[in-house]
Amino acid sequence: MARGGRPARVLRRRRRPAAAAKRPSGSLVELEPLQLSAQERERARETIRRLKSEHPDARVMLEYRNPWELAVATILAAQCTDARVNQVTPELFARYGDARAMAKADTRSLEKLVRPTGFYRNKARAIREMSRAVVERHGGELPRTMAELLALPGLGRKTANVILGNAFKEPAGVVVDTHNIRLSNLLGFVRTTDPVEIERFWISALDRSDWTICGHLLYAHGQKVCIARRPRCGECVLRDLCPSAGRG
């Protein structure tokens, strides 16, 4: 009993419904499009039109000959430059030329080959486990759907989008990297750093035919013009569309 003879108040914690548990945003297979205004959609499309003229050679910079090689290279590119990965993969693929060979790779030999890309133990394990799953589940050929790619160890939505849009030419979404996150916010299209929410914006604003090039264009622009520490706003083809122009 509480003071004054009143019954004590029993505090019960509310149980969080199982359905409310957070699901990793990167594991979503199909993204629901946003309802955008005609003005928002047109500004996004004009952005991509101008960037196509500014960066006509924008493309995936990783070197590969087939979808499996691109999957391996993309895993190795985490926290590493594409140029460094391209220095490593020729010898790596000469030694282990397909998923079956990689699945049987010797741990120490594999780690030694990928060491220059950083985090080499984790990356060696990731590309070997991914390759084993490809052999066991898909007969050695990389699958070509988002759901099947996300079910493979070591592959997230970003990597799956890289593979589907570039190796298979069947885009299921837009690659969202650090440049895309930063530019999408600077341009006022989003106010979030959640890659899935940013991807939802771009797939809602653009035709599917532009989904793959969108990621390449934002990457190129972030590397060459809208540089994080020293943005060159005076030279930017988007300056009249960008609410952040001149603030850097």
Protein backbone atom coordinates (compact mmCIF):
# COMPACT_ATOMS: atom_id res chain seq x y z
CA MET A 1 0.00 0.00 0.00
CA ALA A 2 1.15 3.55 -0.75
CA ARG A 3 1.02 6.37 1.80
CA GLY A 4 -2.45 7.43 2.91
CA GLY A 5 -3.83 3.96 2.38
CA ARG A 6 -4.05 4.26 -1.39
CA PRO A 7 -3.17 1.19 -3.40
CA ALA A 8 0.30 1.36 -4.93
CA ARG A 9 0.29 2.01 -8.63
CA VAL A 10 1.72 -0.92 -10.53
CA LEU A 11 3.84 0.16 -13.47
CA ARG A 12 3.88 -2.28 -16.29
CA ARG A 13 6.26 -2.09 -19.18
CA ARG A 14 4.59 -2.11 -22.49
CA ARG A 15 5.71 -5.00 -24.56
CA ARG A 16 6.89 -4.01 -27.96
CA PRO A 17 4.85 -5.86 -30.58
CA ALA A 18 6.96 -8.30 -32.54
CA ALA A 19 5.85 -6.65 -35.77
CA ALA A 20 7.25 -3.33 -34.58
CA ALA A 21 10.78 -4.63 -34.25
CA LYS A 22 13.11 -2.74 -36.51
CA ARG A 23 14.03 -4.52 -39.68
CA PRO A 24 17.33 -3.57 -41.30
CA SER A 25 16.34 -1.12 -44.01
CA GLY A 26 18.91 -2.54 -46.41
CA SER A 27 17.20 -5.94 -46.39
CA LEU A 28 13.99 -4.73 -48.05
CA VAL A 29 13.43 -6.45 -51.36
CA GLU A 30 10.81 -4.19 -52.94
CA LEU A 31 10.59 -0.50 -52.10
CA GLU A 32 7.29 1.32 -52.09
CA PRO A 33 7.51 4.49 -54.23
CA LEU A 34 6.85 7.93 -52.78
CA GLN A 35 4.11 10.29 -53.85
CA LEU A 36 6.06 13.19 -55.37
CA SER A 37 4.76 16.40 -56.83
CA ALA A 38 5.24 17.13 -60.53
CA GLN A 39 7.69 19.91 -59.55
CA GLU A 40 9.80 17.56 -57.40
CA ARG A 41 9.91 14.97 -60.13
CA GLU A 42 10.86 17.48 -62.81
CA ARG A 43 13.65 19.03 -60.72
CA ALA A 44 15.12 15.56 -60.09
CA ARG A 45 14.94 14.70 -63.79
CA GLU A 46 16.51 18.00 -64.78
CA THR A 47 19.32 17.27 -62.31
CA ILE A 48 20.04 13.96 -64.02
CA ARG A 49 19.79 15.49 -67.51
CA ARG A 50 22.40 18.10 -66.64
CA LEU A 51 24.68 15.59 -64.96
CA LYS A 52 24.54 13.36 -68.04
CA SER A 53 25.93 16.26 -70.09
CA GLU A 54 28.51 17.13 -67.44
CA HIS A 55 29.75 13.56 -66.87
CA PRO A 56 29.15 11.62 -70.11
CA ASP A 57 31.62 8.90 -69.14
CA ALA A 58 30.06 8.12 -65.74
CA ARG A 59 30.00 4.37 -65.18
CA VAL A 60 30.91 1.70 -62.68
CA MET A 61 34.66 2.00 -62.15
CA LEU A 62 35.24 -1.56 -60.93
CA GLU A 63 36.68 -3.85 -63.58
CA TYR A 64 34.90 -7.17 -64.12
CA ARG A 65 34.09 -9.72 -66.83
CA ASN A 66 30.94 -11.31 -65.42
CA PRO A 67 28.36 -10.81 -62.64
CA TRP A 68 30.22 -12.96 -60.10
CA GLU A 69 33.44 -10.96 -60.56
CA LEU A 70 31.49 -7.73 -60.03
CA ALA A 71 29.99 -9.14 -56.84
CA VAL A 72 33.46 -10.01 -55.53
CA ALA A 73 34.89 -6.63 -56.55
CA THR A 74 32.02 -4.76 -54.92
CA ILE A 75 32.52 -6.58 -51.63
CA LEU A 76 36.23 -5.73 -51.75
CA ALA A 77 35.41 -2.07 -52.50
CA ALA A 78 33.90 -1.49 -49.05
CA GLN A 79 36.04 1.15 -47.30
CA CYS A 80 38.46 1.00 -50.23
CA THR A 81 38.93 2.86 -53.50
CA ASP A 82 37.85 1.28 -56.76
CA ALA A 83 41.33 1.90 -58.13
CA ARG A 84 42.92 -0.19 -55.38
CA VAL A 85 40.41 -2.98 -55.92
CA ASN A 86 41.23 -2.97 -59.64
CA GLN A 87 44.87 -3.51 -58.75
CA VAL A 88 44.01 -6.57 -56.68
CA THR A 89 41.38 -8.38 -58.75
CA PRO A 90 43.48 -9.40 -61.81
CA GLU A 91 45.67 -11.69 -59.71
CA LEU A 92 42.75 -12.74 -57.54
CA PHE A 93 40.65 -13.83 -60.53
CA ALA A 94 43.64 -15.46 -62.21
CA ARG A 95 44.00 -17.64 -59.11
CA TYR A 96 40.29 -18.16 -58.44
CA GLY A 97 38.45 -17.76 -61.73
CA ASP A 98 34.90 -18.61 -60.71
CA ALA A 99 32.63 -19.23 -57.74
CA ARG A 100 33.59 -22.92 -57.50
CA ALA A 101 37.30 -22.13 -57.27
CA MET A 102 36.73 -19.31 -54.78
CA ALA A 103 34.55 -21.53 -52.61
CA LYS A 104 37.54 -23.86 -52.12
CA ALA A 105 40.12 -21.10 -51.66
CA ASP A 106 42.81 -21.50 -49.01
CA THR A 107 42.19 -19.00 -46.23
CA ARG A 108 45.73 -17.67 -45.89
CA SER A 109 46.33 -17.41 -49.63
CA LEU A 110 43.04 -15.58 -50.11
CA GLU A 111 43.69 -13.16 -47.26
CA LYS A 112 47.13 -12.38 -48.66
CA LEU A 113 45.67 -11.52 -52.07
CA VAL A 114 42.94 -9.20 -50.77
CA ARG A 115 44.98 -7.65 -47.96
CA PRO A 116 45.65 -4.35 -49.84
CA THR A 117 41.89 -3.61 -49.83
CA GLY A 118 41.76 -3.45 -46.02
CA PHE A 119 39.70 -5.51 -43.55
CA TYR A 120 41.13 -8.45 -45.45
CA ARG A 121 40.08 -11.21 -43.06
CA ASN A 122 36.43 -10.20 -43.15
CA LYS A 123 36.51 -9.62 -46.90
CA ALA A 124 38.21 -12.93 -47.63
CA ARG A 125 35.60 -14.74 -45.57
CA ALA A 126 32.77 -12.79 -47.22
CA ILE A 127 33.75 -13.51 -50.83
CA ARG A 128 34.39 -17.17 -50.07
CA GLU A 129 31.09 -17.66 -48.23
CA MET A 130 29.21 -15.80 -50.94
CA SER A 131 30.83 -18.02 -53.57
CA ARG A 132 29.99 -21.18 -51.65
CA ALA A 133 26.35 -20.13 -51.46
CA VAL A 134 26.31 -19.38 -55.19
CA VAL A 135 27.63 -22.87 -55.90
CA GLU A 136 25.32 -24.65 -53.45
CA ARG A 137 22.13 -22.73 -54.24
CA HIS A 138 22.55 -21.61 -57.85
CA GLY A 139 24.91 -24.06 -59.52
CA GLY A 140 27.81 -21.60 -59.60
CA GLU A 141 25.95 -18.82 -61.45
CA LEU A 142 25.07 -15.59 -59.68
CA PRO A 143 21.27 -15.17 -59.44
CA ARG A 144 19.63 -12.17 -61.09
CA THR A 145 16.88 -11.14 -58.69
CA MET A 146 17.05 -8.80 -55.70
CA ALA A 147 15.56 -11.37 -53.33
CA GLU A 148 18.06 -14.08 -54.30
CA LEU A 149 21.03 -11.73 -54.17
CA LEU A 150 20.07 -10.42 -50.72
CA ALA A 151 19.85 -14.00 -49.48
CA LEU A 152 23.54 -14.52 -50.26
CA PRO A 153 26.04 -13.89 -47.43
CA GLY A 154 27.99 -10.66 -47.76
CA LEU A 155 25.58 -8.94 -50.16
CA GLY A 156 23.45 -5.98 -49.14
CA ARG A 157 21.02 -3.89 -51.13
CA LYS A 158 23.69 -1.50 -52.41
CA THR A 159 25.82 -4.36 -53.78
CA ALA A 160 22.77 -6.06 -55.27
CA ASN A 161 21.83 -2.83 -57.06
CA VAL A 162 25.35 -2.54 -58.45
CA ILE A 163 25.15 -6.08 -59.83
CA LEU A 164 21.61 -5.91 -61.21
CA GLY A 165 22.03 -2.53 -62.87
CA ASN A 166 25.48 -3.03 -64.34
CA ALA A 167 26.18 -6.73 -64.86
CA PHE A 168 22.62 -7.81 -65.70
CA LYS A 169 21.29 -4.50 -67.07
CA GLU A 170 18.10 -5.16 -65.08
CA PRO A 171 17.96 -2.39 -62.46
CA ALA A 172 15.84 -3.00 -59.37
CA GLY A 173 16.78 0.26 -57.70
CA VAL A 174 19.38 3.02 -57.34
CA VAL A 175 22.82 2.63 -55.77
CA VAL A 176 23.06 4.91 -52.74
CA ASP A 177 26.62 5.58 -51.61
CA THR A 178 28.07 8.40 -49.50
CA HIS A 179 28.09 10.78 -52.48
CA ASN A 180 24.44 10.08 -53.23
CA ILE A 181 23.50 10.61 -49.58
CA ARG A 182 25.36 13.91 -49.37
CA LEU A 183 24.22 15.34 -52.72
CA SER A 184 20.59 14.27 -52.30
CA ASN A 185 20.49 16.23 -49.04
CA LEU A 186 22.39 19.26 -50.37
CA LEU A 187 20.06 19.43 -53.35
CA GLY A 188 17.10 19.45 -50.99
CA PHE A 189 15.53 16.27 -52.33
CA VAL A 190 15.61 14.52 -48.94
CA ARG A 191 16.33 15.24 -45.30
CA THR A 192 17.65 11.89 -44.22
CA THR A 193 20.78 9.76 -44.34
CA ASP A 194 18.80 6.53 -44.60
CA PRO A 195 19.93 4.91 -47.88
CA VAL A 196 16.61 3.17 -48.41
CA GLU A 197 14.59 6.38 -48.05
CA ILE A 198 16.94 8.13 -50.47
CA GLU A 199 16.62 5.27 -52.92
CA ARG A 200 12.84 5.50 -52.62
CA PHE A 201 13.02 9.15 -53.67
CA TRP A 202 15.09 8.47 -56.78
CA ILE A 203 13.09 5.46 -57.99
CA SER A 204 9.94 7.56 -57.53
CA ALA A 205 11.35 10.53 -59.42
CA LEU A 206 13.10 8.84 -62.35
CA ASP A 207 12.25 6.41 -65.11
CA ARG A 208 13.68 2.94 -64.54
CA SER A 209 16.02 3.49 -67.49
CA ASP A 210 17.85 6.14 -65.44
CA TRP A 211 18.11 4.23 -62.16
CA THR A 212 21.56 2.78 -62.84
CA ILE A 213 23.14 5.91 -64.29
CA CYS A 214 21.77 8.02 -61.43
CA GLY A 215 24.16 6.46 -58.94
CA HIS A 216 27.13 6.81 -61.30
CA LEU A 217 26.35 10.46 -62.02
CA LEU A 218 26.02 11.46 -58.37
CA TYR A 219 29.25 9.60 -57.59
CA ALA A 220 31.10 11.38 -60.41
CA HIS A 221 29.73 14.78 -59.42
CA GLY A 222 30.63 14.24 -55.79
CA GLN A 223 34.16 13.24 -56.77
CA LYS A 224 34.84 16.00 -59.28
CA VAL A 225 32.68 19.05 -58.46
CA CYS A 226 30.61 18.82 -55.29
CA ILE A 227 33.63 17.78 -53.23
CA ALA A 228 32.81 17.41 -49.54
CA ARG A 229 35.56 19.66 -48.16
CA ARG A 230 35.77 22.16 -51.01
CA PRO A 231 32.66 22.23 -53.19
CA ARG A 232 33.18 24.08 -56.47
CA CYS A 233 29.75 25.71 -56.53
CA GLY A 234 30.80 28.37 -59.04
CA GLU A 235 31.52 25.67 -61.62
CA CYS A 236 28.50 23.50 -60.85
CA VAL A 237 25.85 22.93 -63.52
CA LEU A 238 23.31 22.48 -60.74
CA ARG A 239 23.94 25.74 -58.90
CA ASP A 240 20.59 27.29 -59.86
CA LEU A 241 18.77 24.12 -58.76
CA CYS A 242 20.67 23.67 -55.52
CA PRO A 243 19.48 25.38 -52.32
CA SER A 244 22.91 24.81 -50.78
CA ALA A 245 24.94 26.49 -53.56
CA GLY A 246 27.52 28.92 -52.26
CA ARG A 247 27.36 27.76 -48.67
CA GLY A 248 30.46 25.57 -48.86
